[in-house]
């Protein structure tokens, strides 16, 4: 049995949970690639689709 997670569903759930919020705080991974800091797919989605300000903080 293989378990999969639909990241679009997760991002949508996070965005729906922000109804009435003044700020959405999400994390990012702390390792860096050659292209710079890496954010995950859920953080990427909420950055592009959120209707409230988004703060991205590193996970330490």
PDB file of N, CA and C in Angstrom:
ATOM      1  N   UNK A   1       0.839  -1.158   0.000  1.00  0.00           N
ATOM      2  CA  UNK A   1       0.000   0.000   0.000  1.00  0.00           C
ATOM      3  C   UNK A   1       0.891   1.229   0.000  1.00  0.00           C
ATOM      4  N   UNK A   2       0.557   2.163  -0.849  1.00  0.00           N
ATOM      5  CA  UNK A   2       1.294   3.411  -0.922  1.00  0.00           C
ATOM      6  C   UNK A   2       0.381   4.567  -0.536  1.00  0.00           C
ATOM      7  N   UNK A   3       0.894   5.464   0.276  1.00  0.00           N
ATOM      8  CA  UNK A   3       0.113   6.624   0.703  1.00  0.00           C
ATOM      9  C   UNK A   3       0.631   7.851  -0.045  1.00  0.00           C
ATOM     10  N   UNK A   4      -0.271   8.629  -0.585  1.00  0.00           N
ATOM     11  CA  UNK A   4       0.117   9.872  -1.258  1.00  0.00           C
ATOM     12  C   UNK A   4      -0.639  11.038  -0.636  1.00  0.00           C
ATOM     13  N   UNK A   5      -0.056  12.189  -0.732  1.00  0.00           N
ATOM     14  CA  UNK A   5      -0.672  13.403  -0.213  1.00  0.00           C
ATOM     15  C   UNK A   5      -0.884  14.360  -1.378  1.00  0.00           C
ATOM     16  N   UNK A   6      -2.088  14.840  -1.530  1.00  0.00           N
ATOM     17  CA  UNK A   6      -2.408  15.801  -2.573  1.00  0.00           C
ATOM     18  C   UNK A   6      -2.053  17.190  -2.055  1.00  0.00           C
ATOM     19  N   UNK A   7      -0.919  17.718  -2.517  1.00  0.00           N
ATOM     20  CA  UNK A   7      -0.442  19.001  -1.996  1.00  0.00           C
ATOM     21  C   UNK A   7      -1.351  20.159  -2.388  1.00  0.00           C
ATOM     22  N   UNK A   8      -2.039  20.040  -3.508  1.00  0.00           N
ATOM     23  CA  UNK A   8      -2.997  21.084  -3.892  1.00  0.00           C
ATOM     24  C   UNK A   8      -4.133  21.134  -2.873  1.00  0.00           C
ATOM     25  N   UNK A   9      -4.563  19.981  -2.380  1.00  0.00           N
ATOM     26  CA  UNK A   9      -5.604  19.927  -1.356  1.00  0.00           C
ATOM     27  C   UNK A   9      -5.104  20.583  -0.074  1.00  0.00           C
ATOM     28  N   UNK A  10      -3.871  20.285   0.300  1.00  0.00           N
ATOM     29  CA  UNK A  10      -3.287  20.859   1.519  1.00  0.00           C
ATOM     30  C   UNK A  10      -3.196  22.371   1.393  1.00  0.00           C
ATOM     31  N   UNK A  11      -2.677  22.864   0.278  1.00  0.00           N
ATOM     32  CA  UNK A  11      -2.567  24.306   0.074  1.00  0.00           C
ATOM     33  C   UNK A  11      -3.947  24.958   0.105  1.00  0.00           C
ATOM     34  N   UNK A  12      -4.930  24.335  -0.517  1.00  0.00           N
ATOM     35  CA  UNK A  12      -6.292  24.871  -0.499  1.00  0.00           C
ATOM     36  C   UNK A  12      -6.855  24.931   0.902  1.00  0.00           C
ATOM     37  N   UNK A  13      -6.577  23.904   1.700  1.00  0.00           N
ATOM     38  CA  UNK A  13      -7.059  23.888   3.084  1.00  0.00           C
ATOM     39  C   UNK A  13      -6.413  25.011   3.893  1.00  0.00           C
ATOM     40  N   UNK A  14      -5.124  25.244   3.684  1.00  0.00           N
ATOM     41  CA  UNK A  14      -4.442  26.334   4.387  1.00  0.00           C
ATOM     42  C   UNK A  14      -5.052  27.671   3.980  1.00  0.00           C
ATOM     43  N   UNK A  15      -5.280  27.855   2.686  1.00  0.00           N
ATOM     44  CA  UNK A  15      -5.851  29.117   2.212  1.00  0.00           C
ATOM     45  C   UNK A  15      -7.262  29.328   2.742  1.00  0.00           C
ATOM     46  N   UNK A  16      -8.068  28.278   2.802  1.00  0.00           N
ATOM     47  CA  UNK A  16      -9.423  28.405   3.353  1.00  0.00           C
ATOM     48  C   UNK A  16      -9.377  28.745   4.839  1.00  0.00           C
ATOM     49  N   UNK A  17      -8.382  28.252   5.536  1.00  0.00           N
ATOM     50  CA  UNK A  17      -8.265  28.500   6.972  1.00  0.00           C
ATOM     51  C   UNK A  17      -7.891  29.950   7.283  1.00  0.00           C
ATOM     52  N   UNK A  18      -7.443  30.696   6.282  1.00  0.00           N
ATOM     53  CA  UNK A  18      -7.056  32.085   6.518  1.00  0.00           C
ATOM     54  C   UNK A  18      -8.227  33.050   6.459  1.00  0.00           C
ATOM     55  N   UNK A  19      -9.431  32.550   6.248  1.00  0.00           N
ATOM     56  CA  UNK A  19     -10.606  33.433   6.182  1.00  0.00           C
ATOM     57  C   UNK A  19     -10.685  34.261   7.457  1.00  0.00           C
ATOM     58  N   UNK A  20     -10.656  35.565   7.307  1.00  0.00           N
ATOM     59  CA  UNK A  20     -10.734  36.463   8.451  1.00  0.00           C
ATOM     60  C   UNK A  20      -9.406  36.724   9.141  1.00  0.00           C
ATOM     61  N   UNK A  21      -8.335  36.110   8.650  1.00  0.00           N
ATOM     62  CA  UNK A  21      -7.023  36.299   9.277  1.00  0.00           C
ATOM     63  C   UNK A  21      -6.370  37.570   8.774  1.00  0.00           C
ATOM     64  N   UNK A  22      -5.469  38.095   9.565  1.00  0.00           N
ATOM     65  CA  UNK A  22      -4.719  39.277   9.165  1.00  0.00           C
ATOM     66  C   UNK A  22      -3.345  38.949   8.624  1.00  0.00           C
ATOM     67  N   UNK A  23      -2.882  37.717   8.870  1.00  0.00           N
ATOM     68  CA  UNK A  23      -1.543  37.303   8.457  1.00  0.00           C
ATOM     69  C   UNK A  23      -1.488  35.790   8.422  1.00  0.00           C
ATOM     70  N   UNK A  24      -0.811  35.249   7.423  1.00  0.00           N
ATOM     71  CA  UNK A  24      -0.552  33.809   7.328  1.00  0.00           C
ATOM     72  C   UNK A  24       0.947  33.611   7.487  1.00  0.00           C
ATOM     73  N   UNK A  25       1.349  32.793   8.443  1.00  0.00           N
ATOM     74  CA  UNK A  25       2.759  32.503   8.671  1.00  0.00           C
ATOM     75  C   UNK A  25       3.021  31.074   8.226  1.00  0.00           C
ATOM     76  N   UNK A  26       3.991  30.908   7.320  1.00  0.00           N
ATOM     77  CA  UNK A  26       4.370  29.584   6.821  1.00  0.00           C
ATOM     78  C   UNK A  26       5.870  29.421   6.969  1.00  0.00           C
ATOM     79  N   UNK A  27       6.332  28.199   6.948  1.00  0.00           N
ATOM     80  CA  UNK A  27       7.753  27.912   7.104  1.00  0.00           C
ATOM     81  C   UNK A  27       8.423  27.616   5.784  1.00  0.00           C
ATOM     82  N   UNK A  28       9.733  27.597   5.827  1.00  0.00           N
ATOM     83  CA  UNK A  28      10.524  27.171   4.683  1.00  0.00           C
ATOM     84  C   UNK A  28      11.671  26.316   5.195  1.00  0.00           C
ATOM     85  N   UNK A  29      12.180  25.512   4.321  1.00  0.00           N
ATOM     86  CA  UNK A  29      13.308  24.654   4.682  1.00  0.00           C
ATOM     87  C   UNK A  29      14.555  25.508   4.821  1.00  0.00           C
ATOM     88  N   UNK A  30      15.461  25.087   5.707  1.00  0.00           N
ATOM     89  CA  UNK A  30      16.636  25.923   5.961  1.00  0.00           C
ATOM     90  C   UNK A  30      17.796  25.609   5.037  1.00  0.00           C
ATOM     91  N   UNK A  31      17.804  24.458   4.361  1.00  0.00           N
ATOM     92  CA  UNK A  31      18.945  24.189   3.478  1.00  0.00           C
ATOM     93  C   UNK A  31      18.839  25.029   2.208  1.00  0.00           C
ATOM     94  N   UNK A  32      19.974  25.314   1.637  1.00  0.00           N
ATOM     95  CA  UNK A  32      20.017  26.148   0.435  1.00  0.00           C
ATOM     96  C   UNK A  32      20.505  25.303  -0.741  1.00  0.00           C
ATOM     97  N   UNK A  33      19.970  25.619  -1.890  1.00  0.00           N
ATOM     98  CA  UNK A  33      20.447  24.982  -3.114  1.00  0.00           C
ATOM     99  C   UNK A  33      21.302  26.005  -3.856  1.00  0.00           C
ATOM    100  N   UNK A  34      21.789  25.625  -5.018  1.00  0.00           N
ATOM    101  CA  UNK A  34      22.582  26.547  -5.828  1.00  0.00           C
ATOM    102  C   UNK A  34      21.745  27.740  -6.272  1.00  0.00           C
ATOM    103  N   UNK A  35      20.425  27.578  -6.258  1.00  0.00           N
ATOM    104  CA  UNK A  35      19.533  28.641  -6.701  1.00  0.00           C
ATOM    105  C   UNK A  35      19.026  29.512  -5.559  1.00  0.00           C
ATOM    106  N   UNK A  36      19.437  29.230  -4.341  1.00  0.00           N
ATOM    107  CA  UNK A  36      18.998  30.026  -3.197  1.00  0.00           C
ATOM    108  C   UNK A  36      18.141  29.219  -2.244  1.00  0.00           C
ATOM    109  N   UNK A  37      17.457  29.923  -1.358  1.00  0.00           N
ATOM    110  CA  UNK A  37      16.627  29.271  -0.349  1.00  0.00           C
ATOM    111  C   UNK A  37      15.493  28.503  -1.026  1.00  0.00           C
ATOM    112  N   UNK A  38      15.143  27.376  -0.455  1.00  0.00           N
ATOM    113  CA  UNK A  38      14.114  26.521  -1.039  1.00  0.00           C
ATOM    114  C   UNK A  38      12.824  26.624  -0.227  1.00  0.00           C
ATOM    115  N   UNK A  39      11.715  26.806  -0.920  1.00  0.00           N
ATOM    116  CA  UNK A  39      10.419  26.718  -0.254  1.00  0.00           C
ATOM    117  C   UNK A  39       9.702  25.505  -0.821  1.00  0.00           C
ATOM    118  N   UNK A  40       8.841  24.930  -0.023  1.00  0.00           N
ATOM    119  CA  UNK A  40       8.098  23.759  -0.458  1.00  0.00           C
ATOM    120  C   UNK A  40       6.898  24.140  -1.319  1.00  0.00           C
ATOM    121  N   UNK A  41       6.227  23.146  -1.864  1.00  0.00           N
ATOM    122  CA  UNK A  41       5.114  23.403  -2.773  1.00  0.00           C
ATOM    123  C   UNK A  41       3.907  24.065  -2.107  1.00  0.00           C
ATOM    124  N   UNK A  42       3.651  23.759  -0.848  1.00  0.00           N
ATOM    125  CA  UNK A  42       2.514  24.381  -0.168  1.00  0.00           C
ATOM    126  C   UNK A  42       2.815  25.857   0.090  1.00  0.00           C
ATOM    127  N   UNK A  43       4.012  26.167   0.566  1.00  0.00           N
ATOM    128  CA  UNK A  43       4.398  27.560   0.774  1.00  0.00           C
ATOM    129  C   UNK A  43       4.362  28.323  -0.548  1.00  0.00           C
ATOM    130  N   UNK A  44       4.855  27.716  -1.598  1.00  0.00           N
ATOM    131  CA  UNK A  44       4.834  28.349  -2.921  1.00  0.00           C
ATOM    132  C   UNK A  44       3.401  28.678  -3.335  1.00  0.00           C
ATOM    133  N   UNK A  45       2.497  27.738  -3.151  1.00  0.00           N
ATOM    134  CA  UNK A  45       1.098  27.951  -3.543  1.00  0.00           C
ATOM    135  C   UNK A  45       0.448  29.074  -2.738  1.00  0.00           C
ATOM    136  N   UNK A  46       0.672  29.090  -1.426  1.00  0.00           N
ATOM    137  CA  UNK A  46       0.012  30.130  -0.633  1.00  0.00           C
ATOM    138  C   UNK A  46       0.607  31.508  -0.918  1.00  0.00           C
ATOM    139  N   UNK A  47       1.892  31.566  -1.254  1.00  0.00           N
ATOM    140  CA  UNK A  47       2.483  32.851  -1.623  1.00  0.00           C
ATOM    141  C   UNK A  47       1.805  33.439  -2.857  1.00  0.00           C
ATOM    142  N   UNK A  48       1.427  32.579  -3.775  1.00  0.00           N
ATOM    143  CA  UNK A  48       0.842  33.041  -5.033  1.00  0.00           C
ATOM    144  C   UNK A  48      -0.672  33.216  -4.984  1.00  0.00           C
ATOM    145  N   UNK A  49      -1.341  32.596  -4.018  1.00  0.00           N
ATOM    146  CA  UNK A  49      -2.803  32.609  -4.033  1.00  0.00           C
ATOM    147  C   UNK A  49      -3.452  33.197  -2.783  1.00  0.00           C
ATOM    148  N   UNK A  50      -2.679  33.561  -1.795  1.00  0.00           N
ATOM    149  CA  UNK A  50      -3.251  34.080  -0.556  1.00  0.00           C
ATOM    150  C   UNK A  50      -3.832  35.480  -0.759  1.00  0.00           C
ATOM    151  N   UNK A  51      -4.938  35.728  -0.081  1.00  0.00           N
ATOM    152  CA  UNK A  51      -5.552  37.062  -0.111  1.00  0.00           C
ATOM    153  C   UNK A  51      -5.142  37.886   1.111  1.00  0.00           C
ATOM    154  N   UNK A  52      -4.345  37.298   1.987  1.00  0.00           N
ATOM    155  CA  UNK A  52      -3.829  38.004   3.167  1.00  0.00           C
ATOM    156  C   UNK A  52      -2.308  38.043   3.076  1.00  0.00           C
ATOM    157  N   UNK A  53      -1.657  38.945   3.800  1.00  0.00           N
ATOM    158  CA  UNK A  53      -0.186  38.973   3.801  1.00  0.00           C
ATOM    159  C   UNK A  53       0.373  37.637   4.298  1.00  0.00           C
ATOM    160  N   UNK A  54       1.516  37.243   3.745  1.00  0.00           N
ATOM    161  CA  UNK A  54       2.159  35.975   4.100  1.00  0.00           C
ATOM    162  C   UNK A  54       3.561  36.265   4.620  1.00  0.00           C
ATOM    163  N   UNK A  55       3.895  35.701   5.778  1.00  0.00           N
ATOM    164  CA  UNK A  55       5.246  35.772   6.324  1.00  0.00           C
ATOM    165  C   UNK A  55       5.876  34.389   6.193  1.00  0.00           C
ATOM    166  N   UNK A  56       7.045  34.322   5.560  1.00  0.00           N
ATOM    167  CA  UNK A  56       7.751  33.051   5.401  1.00  0.00           C
ATOM    168  C   UNK A  56       8.937  33.062   6.352  1.00  0.00           C
ATOM    169  N   UNK A  57       8.968  32.108   7.259  1.00  0.00           N
ATOM    170  CA  UNK A  57      10.039  32.050   8.265  1.00  0.00           C
ATOM    171  C   UNK A  57      10.794  30.731   8.126  1.00  0.00           C
ATOM    172  N   UNK A  58      12.099  30.744   8.396  1.00  0.00           N
ATOM    173  CA  UNK A  58      12.864  29.497   8.313  1.00  0.00           C
ATOM    174  C   UNK A  58      12.556  28.568   9.474  1.00  0.00           C
ATOM    175  N   UNK A  59      12.580  27.292   9.185  1.00  0.00           N
ATOM    176  CA  UNK A  59      12.421  26.278  10.225  1.00  0.00           C
ATOM    177  C   UNK A  59      13.795  26.064  10.836  1.00  0.00           C
ATOM    178  N   UNK A  60      13.904  26.265  12.131  1.00  0.00           N
ATOM    179  CA  UNK A  60      15.210  26.101  12.787  1.00  0.00           C
ATOM    180  C   UNK A  60      15.179  24.992  13.795  1.00  0.00           C
TER     181      UNK A  60
END
